[in-house]
Amino acid sequence: MLLLIIQIGLTVGAWLRGWRLWALIPLGVIFVSGLIMGTLGISVWSILSVGLIMDIVCTGVLVVMVIRPRPS
């Protein structure tokens, strides 16, 4: 839950830094992948390991977006 709050905060920060629609993509990837894995009934351990890796990667992308302003 804490990671989701951090990701939402980073998404807002990236949006304000000028990334606009691009800032929503990492958060959307996390939600859609969780929805697909949950719908397919993939085991809980697979969801946790794949989901955690995707969360970490998407959080890293958002951090880079917040640190660097959008190129003109």
C-alpha atoms as a PDB file:
ATOM      1  CA  MET A   1       0.000   0.000   0.000  1.00  0.00           C
ATOM      2  CA  LEU A   2       2.845   2.370   0.819  1.00  0.00           C
ATOM      3  CA  LEU A   3       4.461   1.724  -2.571  1.00  0.00           C
ATOM      4  CA  LEU A   4       1.199   2.639  -4.316  1.00  0.00           C
ATOM      5  CA  ILE A   5       1.021   5.936  -2.410  1.00  0.00           C
ATOM      6  CA  ILE A   6       4.633   6.671  -3.373  1.00  0.00           C
ATOM      7  CA  GLN A   7       3.889   5.858  -7.014  1.00  0.00           C
ATOM      8  CA  ILE A   8       0.847   8.121  -7.077  1.00  0.00           C
ATOM      9  CA  GLY A   9       2.912  10.936  -5.565  1.00  0.00           C
ATOM     10  CA  LEU A  10       5.662  10.386  -8.128  1.00  0.00           C
ATOM     11  CA  THR A  11       3.073  10.365 -10.919  1.00  0.00           C
ATOM     12  CA  VAL A  12       1.736  13.726  -9.758  1.00  0.00           C
ATOM     13  CA  GLY A  13       5.294  15.053  -9.510  1.00  0.00           C
ATOM     14  CA  ALA A  14       6.143  13.859 -13.022  1.00  0.00           C
ATOM     15  CA  TRP A  15       2.908  15.383 -14.325  1.00  0.00           C
ATOM     16  CA  LEU A  16       3.815  18.731 -12.805  1.00  0.00           C
ATOM     17  CA  ARG A  17       7.349  18.518 -14.238  1.00  0.00           C
ATOM     18  CA  GLY A  18       5.890  18.462 -17.762  1.00  0.00           C
ATOM     19  CA  TRP A  19       5.611  14.764 -18.607  1.00  0.00           C
ATOM     20  CA  ARG A  20       1.776  14.952 -18.749  1.00  0.00           C
ATOM     21  CA  LEU A  21       0.387  11.788 -20.390  1.00  0.00           C
ATOM     22  CA  TRP A  22       3.715   9.953 -20.195  1.00  0.00           C
ATOM     23  CA  ALA A  23       3.529  10.149 -16.399  1.00  0.00           C
ATOM     24  CA  LEU A  24       0.366   8.033 -16.378  1.00  0.00           C
ATOM     25  CA  ILE A  25       1.834   5.136 -18.363  1.00  0.00           C
ATOM     26  CA  PRO A  26       3.901   3.454 -15.570  1.00  0.00           C
ATOM     27  CA  LEU A  27       0.980   3.587 -13.131  1.00  0.00           C
ATOM     28  CA  GLY A  28      -1.364   2.259 -15.824  1.00  0.00           C
ATOM     29  CA  VAL A  29       1.011  -0.623 -16.553  1.00  0.00           C
ATOM     30  CA  ILE A  30       0.965  -1.618 -12.893  1.00  0.00           C
ATOM     31  CA  PHE A  31      -2.837  -1.575 -12.668  1.00  0.00           C
ATOM     32  CA  VAL A  32      -3.428  -3.374 -15.975  1.00  0.00           C
ATOM     33  CA  SER A  33      -0.864  -6.094 -15.259  1.00  0.00           C
ATOM     34  CA  GLY A  34      -2.380  -6.703 -11.822  1.00  0.00           C
ATOM     35  CA  LEU A  35      -5.833  -6.893 -13.360  1.00  0.00           C
ATOM     36  CA  ILE A  36      -4.712  -9.363 -16.030  1.00  0.00           C
ATOM     37  CA  MET A  37      -2.834 -11.589 -13.578  1.00  0.00           C
ATOM     38  CA  GLY A  38      -5.763 -11.561 -11.174  1.00  0.00           C
ATOM     39  CA  THR A  39      -8.276 -12.334 -13.919  1.00  0.00           C
ATOM     40  CA  LEU A  40      -6.211 -15.235 -15.254  1.00  0.00           C
ATOM     41  CA  GLY A  41      -6.007 -16.722 -11.776  1.00  0.00           C
ATOM     42  CA  ILE A  42      -2.228 -16.865 -11.662  1.00  0.00           C
ATOM     43  CA  SER A  43      -0.957 -18.116  -8.299  1.00  0.00           C
ATOM     44  CA  VAL A  44      -0.430 -15.610  -5.515  1.00  0.00           C
ATOM     45  CA  TRP A  45       3.337 -16.203  -5.354  1.00  0.00           C
ATOM     46  CA  SER A  46       3.743 -15.533  -9.078  1.00  0.00           C
ATOM     47  CA  ILE A  47       1.672 -12.371  -8.783  1.00  0.00           C
ATOM     48  CA  LEU A  48       3.766 -11.157  -5.857  1.00  0.00           C
ATOM     49  CA  SER A  49       7.126 -11.781  -7.525  1.00  0.00           C
ATOM     50  CA  VAL A  50       6.198 -10.447 -10.974  1.00  0.00           C
ATOM     51  CA  GLY A  51       4.155  -7.621  -9.488  1.00  0.00           C
ATOM     52  CA  LEU A  52       6.975  -6.573  -7.169  1.00  0.00           C
ATOM     53  CA  ILE A  53       9.481  -6.496 -10.018  1.00  0.00           C
ATOM     54  CA  MET A  54       7.093  -4.429 -12.157  1.00  0.00           C
ATOM     55  CA  ASP A  55       6.422  -2.085  -9.229  1.00  0.00           C
ATOM     56  CA  ILE A  56      10.124  -1.490  -8.689  1.00  0.00           C
ATOM     57  CA  VAL A  57      10.778  -0.877 -12.394  1.00  0.00           C
ATOM     58  CA  CYS A  58       7.822   1.498 -12.760  1.00  0.00           C
ATOM     59  CA  THR A  59       8.809   3.354  -9.596  1.00  0.00           C
ATOM     60  CA  GLY A  60      12.311   3.776 -11.033  1.00  0.00           C
ATOM     61  CA  VAL A  61      10.875   5.169 -14.266  1.00  0.00           C
ATOM     62  CA  LEU A  62       8.740   7.637 -12.303  1.00  0.00           C
ATOM     63  CA  VAL A  63      11.732   8.739 -10.218  1.00  0.00           C
ATOM     64  CA  VAL A  64      13.670   9.465 -13.411  1.00  0.00           C
ATOM     65  CA  MET A  65      10.712  11.454 -14.751  1.00  0.00           C
ATOM     66  CA  VAL A  66      10.548  13.527 -11.564  1.00  0.00           C
ATOM     67  CA  ILE A  67      14.301  14.182 -11.493  1.00  0.00           C
ATOM     68  CA  ARG A  68      14.621  15.168 -15.143  1.00  0.00           C
ATOM     69  CA  PRO A  69      12.356  17.757 -16.756  1.00  0.00           C
ATOM     70  CA  ARG A  70      10.722  16.722 -19.979  1.00  0.00           C
ATOM     71  CA  PRO A  71      12.959  17.347 -22.983  1.00  0.00           C
ATOM     72  CA  SER A  72      11.685  20.059 -25.302  1.00  0.00           C
END
